[in-house]
Amino acid sequence: MKALQRIYPIAAVAVLMTAFASPAVAADNVTVTVNATVTGVCKFFTSSPVVNINNTGTGSNIDPSLAGPATGNAAITYRCSNGTTPTFTVPATATITCSACAGTPTLTPSIGSTNTGAGSGMGSGNDKTLAVTGTLLQSAYENAAVGAYTGTIVVSVNP
């Protein structure tokens, strides 16, 4: 019993020391730098544009008896990061072929473009337009073989 009487005061002192012990305090801190860089980028938002060259106002129909050039255009939607100026690469001509015609003849329309300028952001409502035009002079189509002519061009935008 005497042994227990000696242990109780020691246990009581240990409990009191634990109760009044100071809480743990952080010994150090560090400043963390957080970075983000928004890059200038431009993207097309029209998936399959078509330039229908015509002189009749209908589809890609060209009436070789009519005077003047046959023209067509496609409106291609693009967006660029806010303040980013796009650089477009558009070929000067296209080669379109009549694969169903004897000898597979070709026509070579001139290609041009205009755009509505620098981007105002990539979000909805910030669309800009690249208009791609195709022109065939009367001298190019007036003696052309009858048939549907088709071909493709690649248009690119940077950055």
C-alpha atoms as a PDB file:
ATOM      1  CA  MET A   1       0.000   0.000   0.000  1.00  0.00           C
ATOM      2  CA  LYS A   2       2.834   2.350   0.830  1.00  0.00           C
ATOM      3  CA  ALA A   3       4.129   1.819  -2.666  1.00  0.00           C
ATOM      4  CA  LEU A   4       0.804   2.939  -4.118  1.00  0.00           C
ATOM      5  CA  GLN A   5       0.788   5.995  -1.879  1.00  0.00           C
ATOM      6  CA  ARG A   6       4.139   7.018  -3.363  1.00  0.00           C
ATOM      7  CA  ILE A   7       2.997   6.467  -6.994  1.00  0.00           C
ATOM      8  CA  TYR A   8      -0.201   8.589  -6.723  1.00  0.00           C
ATOM      9  CA  PRO A   9       1.577  11.893  -6.022  1.00  0.00           C
ATOM     10  CA  ILE A  10       4.049  11.218  -8.856  1.00  0.00           C
ATOM     11  CA  ALA A  11       1.170  10.409 -11.251  1.00  0.00           C
ATOM     12  CA  ALA A  12      -0.709  13.529 -10.148  1.00  0.00           C
ATOM     13  CA  VAL A  13       2.347  15.710 -10.859  1.00  0.00           C
ATOM     14  CA  ALA A  14       2.724  14.097 -14.333  1.00  0.00           C
ATOM     15  CA  VAL A  15      -0.945  14.793 -15.159  1.00  0.00           C
ATOM     16  CA  LEU A  16      -0.621  18.417 -14.029  1.00  0.00           C
ATOM     17  CA  MET A  17       2.562  18.900 -16.087  1.00  0.00           C
ATOM     18  CA  THR A  18       0.816  17.546 -19.177  1.00  0.00           C
ATOM     19  CA  ALA A  19      -2.223  19.758 -18.641  1.00  0.00           C
ATOM     20  CA  PHE A  20      -0.135  22.935 -18.411  1.00  0.00           C
ATOM     21  CA  ALA A  21       2.380  22.082 -21.142  1.00  0.00           C
ATOM     22  CA  SER A  22       2.733  24.686 -23.933  1.00  0.00           C
ATOM     23  CA  PRO A  23       1.065  23.813 -27.271  1.00  0.00           C
ATOM     24  CA  ALA A  24       3.327  22.995 -30.253  1.00  0.00           C
ATOM     25  CA  VAL A  25       4.227  26.103 -32.279  1.00  0.00           C
ATOM     26  CA  ALA A  26       5.346  26.167 -35.914  1.00  0.00           C
ATOM     27  CA  ALA A  27       9.004  26.893 -35.927  1.00  0.00           C
ATOM     28  CA  ASP A  28       9.246  28.237 -39.507  1.00  0.00           C
ATOM     29  CA  ASN A  29       7.292  29.450 -42.553  1.00  0.00           C
ATOM     30  CA  VAL A  30       8.026  29.934 -46.228  1.00  0.00           C
ATOM     31  CA  THR A  31       6.645  32.189 -48.954  1.00  0.00           C
ATOM     32  CA  VAL A  32       5.487  30.217 -51.997  1.00  0.00           C
ATOM     33  CA  THR A  33       5.440  31.889 -55.409  1.00  0.00           C
ATOM     34  CA  VAL A  34       2.556  30.883 -57.663  1.00  0.00           C
ATOM     35  CA  ASN A  35       2.996  31.442 -61.443  1.00  0.00           C
ATOM     36  CA  ALA A  36       0.700  31.198 -64.459  1.00  0.00           C
ATOM     37  CA  THR A  37       1.430  32.253 -68.040  1.00  0.00           C
ATOM     38  CA  VAL A  38      -1.366  32.744 -70.562  1.00  0.00           C
ATOM     39  CA  THR A  39       0.045  32.048 -74.010  1.00  0.00           C
ATOM     40  CA  GLY A  40      -1.018  33.630 -77.268  1.00  0.00           C
ATOM     41  CA  VAL A  41      -2.903  31.095 -79.366  1.00  0.00           C
ATOM     42  CA  CYS A  42      -5.391  31.131 -82.249  1.00  0.00           C
ATOM     43  CA  LYS A  43      -7.767  28.312 -83.246  1.00  0.00           C
ATOM     44  CA  PHE A  44     -10.325  27.722 -85.989  1.00  0.00           C
ATOM     45  CA  PHE A  45     -13.925  27.022 -84.945  1.00  0.00           C
ATOM     46  CA  THR A  46     -15.354  26.113 -88.371  1.00  0.00           C
ATOM     47  CA  SER A  47     -14.839  22.445 -89.127  1.00  0.00           C
ATOM     48  CA  SER A  48     -15.507  22.021 -92.869  1.00  0.00           C
ATOM     49  CA  PRO A  49     -15.698  25.314 -94.765  1.00  0.00           C
ATOM     50  CA  VAL A  50     -16.587  25.208 -98.479  1.00  0.00           C
ATOM     51  CA  VAL A  51     -15.939  27.814-101.169  1.00  0.00           C
ATOM     52  CA  ASN A  52     -18.610  27.340-103.846  1.00  0.00           C
ATOM     53  CA  ILE A  53     -17.444  29.269-106.895  1.00  0.00           C
ATOM     54  CA  ASN A  54     -20.345  30.309-109.127  1.00  0.00           C
ATOM     55  CA  ASN A  55     -21.637  33.006-111.430  1.00  0.00           C
ATOM     56  CA  THR A  56     -25.301  32.037-111.192  1.00  0.00           C
ATOM     57  CA  GLY A  57     -25.931  32.604-107.486  1.00  0.00           C
ATOM     58  CA  THR A  58     -26.623  28.903-106.964  1.00  0.00           C
ATOM     59  CA  GLY A  59     -24.278  26.334-105.378  1.00  0.00           C
ATOM     60  CA  SER A  60     -21.121  25.891-107.416  1.00  0.00           C
ATOM     61  CA  ASN A  61     -22.837  26.336-110.786  1.00  0.00           C
ATOM     62  CA  ILE A  62     -20.940  28.236-113.473  1.00  0.00           C
ATOM     63  CA  ASP A  63     -22.724  29.203-116.668  1.00  0.00           C
ATOM     64  CA  PRO A  64     -19.959  29.544-119.286  1.00  0.00           C
ATOM     65  CA  SER A  65     -22.149  31.802-121.446  1.00  0.00           C
ATOM     66  CA  LEU A  66     -22.261  34.534-118.780  1.00  0.00           C
ATOM     67  CA  ALA A  67     -19.661  37.291-118.827  1.00  0.00           C
ATOM     68  CA  GLY A  68     -17.455  38.087-115.862  1.00  0.00           C
ATOM     69  CA  PRO A  69     -15.695  36.160-113.144  1.00  0.00           C
ATOM     70  CA  ALA A  70     -17.185  33.368-111.093  1.00  0.00           C
ATOM     71  CA  THR A  71     -16.648  33.897-107.369  1.00  0.00           C
ATOM     72  CA  GLY A  72     -17.340  32.288-104.034  1.00  0.00           C
ATOM     73  CA  ASN A  73     -16.349  32.572-100.406  1.00  0.00           C
ATOM     74  CA  ALA A  74     -16.327  30.758 -97.102  1.00  0.00           C
ATOM     75  CA  ALA A  75     -16.565  32.398 -93.682  1.00  0.00           C
ATOM     76  CA  ILE A  76     -14.222  30.632 -91.270  1.00  0.00           C
ATOM     77  CA  THR A  77     -14.663  31.395 -87.575  1.00  0.00           C
ATOM     78  CA  TYR A  78     -11.553  31.772 -85.417  1.00  0.00           C
ATOM     79  CA  ARG A  79     -10.666  32.943 -81.915  1.00  0.00           C
ATOM     80  CA  CYS A  80      -7.375  34.161 -80.494  1.00  0.00           C
ATOM     81  CA  SER A  81      -6.137  34.861 -76.985  1.00  0.00           C
ATOM     82  CA  ASN A  82      -6.972  38.398 -75.905  1.00  0.00           C
ATOM     83  CA  GLY A  83      -4.698  40.822 -77.790  1.00  0.00           C
ATOM     84  CA  THR A  84      -3.127  38.147 -79.996  1.00  0.00           C
ATOM     85  CA  THR A  85      -2.839  39.068 -83.676  1.00  0.00           C
ATOM     86  CA  PRO A  86      -3.273  36.075 -85.993  1.00  0.00           C
ATOM     87  CA  THR A  87      -1.082  35.356 -89.010  1.00  0.00           C
ATOM     88  CA  PHE A  88      -2.912  33.382 -91.678  1.00  0.00           C
ATOM     89  CA  THR A  89      -1.337  31.308 -94.425  1.00  0.00           C
ATOM     90  CA  VAL A  90      -3.672  31.047 -97.412  1.00  0.00           C
ATOM     91  CA  PRO A  91      -2.421  29.752-100.769  1.00  0.00           C
ATOM     92  CA  ALA A  92      -2.689  32.150-103.727  1.00  0.00           C
ATOM     93  CA  THR A  93      -4.330  29.537-105.970  1.00  0.00           C
ATOM     94  CA  ALA A  94      -6.092  26.200-105.807  1.00  0.00           C
ATOM     95  CA  THR A  95      -6.165  23.343-108.273  1.00  0.00           C
ATOM     96  CA  ILE A  96      -9.625  21.890-108.771  1.00  0.00           C
ATOM     97  CA  THR A  97     -10.091  18.800-110.915  1.00  0.00           C
ATOM     98  CA  CYS A  98     -12.998  17.233-112.775  1.00  0.00           C
ATOM     99  CA  SER A  99     -12.356  13.563-111.998  1.00  0.00           C
ATOM    100  CA  ALA A 100     -15.427  12.426-114.002  1.00  0.00           C
ATOM    101  CA  CYS A 101     -14.291  14.286-117.134  1.00  0.00           C
ATOM    102  CA  ALA A 102     -12.226  12.752-119.932  1.00  0.00           C
ATOM    103  CA  GLY A 103      -8.560  13.528-119.317  1.00  0.00           C
ATOM    104  CA  THR A 104      -9.289  14.906-115.811  1.00  0.00           C
ATOM    105  CA  PRO A 105      -9.028  18.607-116.677  1.00  0.00           C
ATOM    106  CA  THR A 106      -8.246  21.192-114.013  1.00  0.00           C
ATOM    107  CA  LEU A 107      -9.136  24.796-113.243  1.00  0.00           C
ATOM    108  CA  THR A 108      -7.002  27.143-111.136  1.00  0.00           C
ATOM    109  CA  PRO A 109      -9.014  29.707-109.193  1.00  0.00           C
ATOM    110  CA  SER A 110      -7.179  32.521-107.433  1.00  0.00           C
ATOM    111  CA  ILE A 111      -7.616  32.502-103.669  1.00  0.00           C
ATOM    112  CA  GLY A 112      -7.726  35.525-101.376  1.00  0.00           C
ATOM    113  CA  SER A 113      -8.625  36.285 -97.785  1.00  0.00           C
ATOM    114  CA  THR A 114      -9.554  39.016 -95.325  1.00  0.00           C
ATOM    115  CA  ASN A 115      -9.946  38.791 -91.550  1.00  0.00           C
ATOM    116  CA  THR A 116     -11.501  40.747 -88.723  1.00  0.00           C
ATOM    117  CA  GLY A 117      -8.319  41.178 -86.685  1.00  0.00           C
ATOM    118  CA  ALA A 118      -6.784  40.432 -83.327  1.00  0.00           C
ATOM    119  CA  GLY A 119      -8.414  38.197 -80.776  1.00  0.00           C
ATOM    120  CA  SER A 120     -10.441  39.301 -77.794  1.00  0.00           C
ATOM    121  CA  GLY A 121     -10.355  35.935 -76.014  1.00  0.00           C
ATOM    122  CA  MET A 122     -11.088  32.251 -76.483  1.00  0.00           C
ATOM    123  CA  GLY A 123     -14.456  32.257 -74.722  1.00  0.00           C
ATOM    124  CA  SER A 124     -17.892  32.173 -76.280  1.00  0.00           C
ATOM    125  CA  GLY A 125     -18.863  35.416 -77.981  1.00  0.00           C
ATOM    126  CA  ASN A 126     -15.313  36.256 -79.113  1.00  0.00           C
ATOM    127  CA  ASP A 127     -15.621  34.922 -82.669  1.00  0.00           C
ATOM    128  CA  LYS A 128     -13.671  36.560 -85.472  1.00  0.00           C
ATOM    129  CA  THR A 129     -14.039  35.781 -89.188  1.00  0.00           C
ATOM    130  CA  LEU A 130     -11.555  34.835 -91.881  1.00  0.00           C
ATOM    131  CA  ALA A 131     -13.228  35.189 -95.279  1.00  0.00           C
ATOM    132  CA  VAL A 132     -11.588  32.973 -97.911  1.00  0.00           C
ATOM    133  CA  THR A 133     -12.548  33.835-101.490  1.00  0.00           C
ATOM    134  CA  GLY A 134     -12.104  31.994-104.758  1.00  0.00           C
ATOM    135  CA  THR A 135     -12.260  33.589-108.212  1.00  0.00           C
ATOM    136  CA  LEU A 136     -12.248  32.062-111.696  1.00  0.00           C
ATOM    137  CA  LEU A 137     -11.893  34.469-114.600  1.00  0.00           C
ATOM    138  CA  GLN A 138     -14.233  33.968-117.546  1.00  0.00           C
ATOM    139  CA  SER A 139     -11.260  32.995-119.712  1.00  0.00           C
ATOM    140  CA  ALA A 140     -10.588  30.081-117.330  1.00  0.00           C
ATOM    141  CA  TYR A 141     -14.071  28.517-117.465  1.00  0.00           C
ATOM    142  CA  GLU A 142     -15.629  29.572-120.780  1.00  0.00           C
ATOM    143  CA  ASN A 143     -14.170  26.550-122.643  1.00  0.00           C
ATOM    144  CA  ALA A 144     -13.920  24.167-119.668  1.00  0.00           C
ATOM    145  CA  ALA A 145     -15.254  20.619-119.896  1.00  0.00           C
ATOM    146  CA  VAL A 146     -18.685  20.135-118.350  1.00  0.00           C
ATOM    147  CA  GLY A 147     -18.542  18.507-114.907  1.00  0.00           C
ATOM    148  CA  ALA A 148     -18.018  19.020-111.189  1.00  0.00           C
ATOM    149  CA  TYR A 149     -14.570  20.309-110.274  1.00  0.00           C
ATOM    150  CA  THR A 150     -13.255  19.895-106.752  1.00  0.00           C
ATOM    151  CA  GLY A 151     -10.057  20.244-104.777  1.00  0.00           C
ATOM    152  CA  THR A 152      -8.766  21.363-101.397  1.00  0.00           C
ATOM    153  CA  ILE A 153      -6.454  23.961 -99.938  1.00  0.00           C
ATOM    154  CA  VAL A 154      -4.892  24.138 -96.495  1.00  0.00           C
ATOM    155  CA  VAL A 155      -5.380  27.323 -94.505  1.00  0.00           C
ATOM    156  CA  SER A 156      -3.403  27.761 -91.293  1.00  0.00           C
ATOM    157  CA  VAL A 157      -3.228  30.266 -88.455  1.00  0.00           C
ATOM    158  CA  ASN A 158      -0.404  31.164 -86.072  1.00  0.00           C
ATOM    159  CA  PRO A 159       0.282  31.422 -83.245  1.00  0.00           C
END
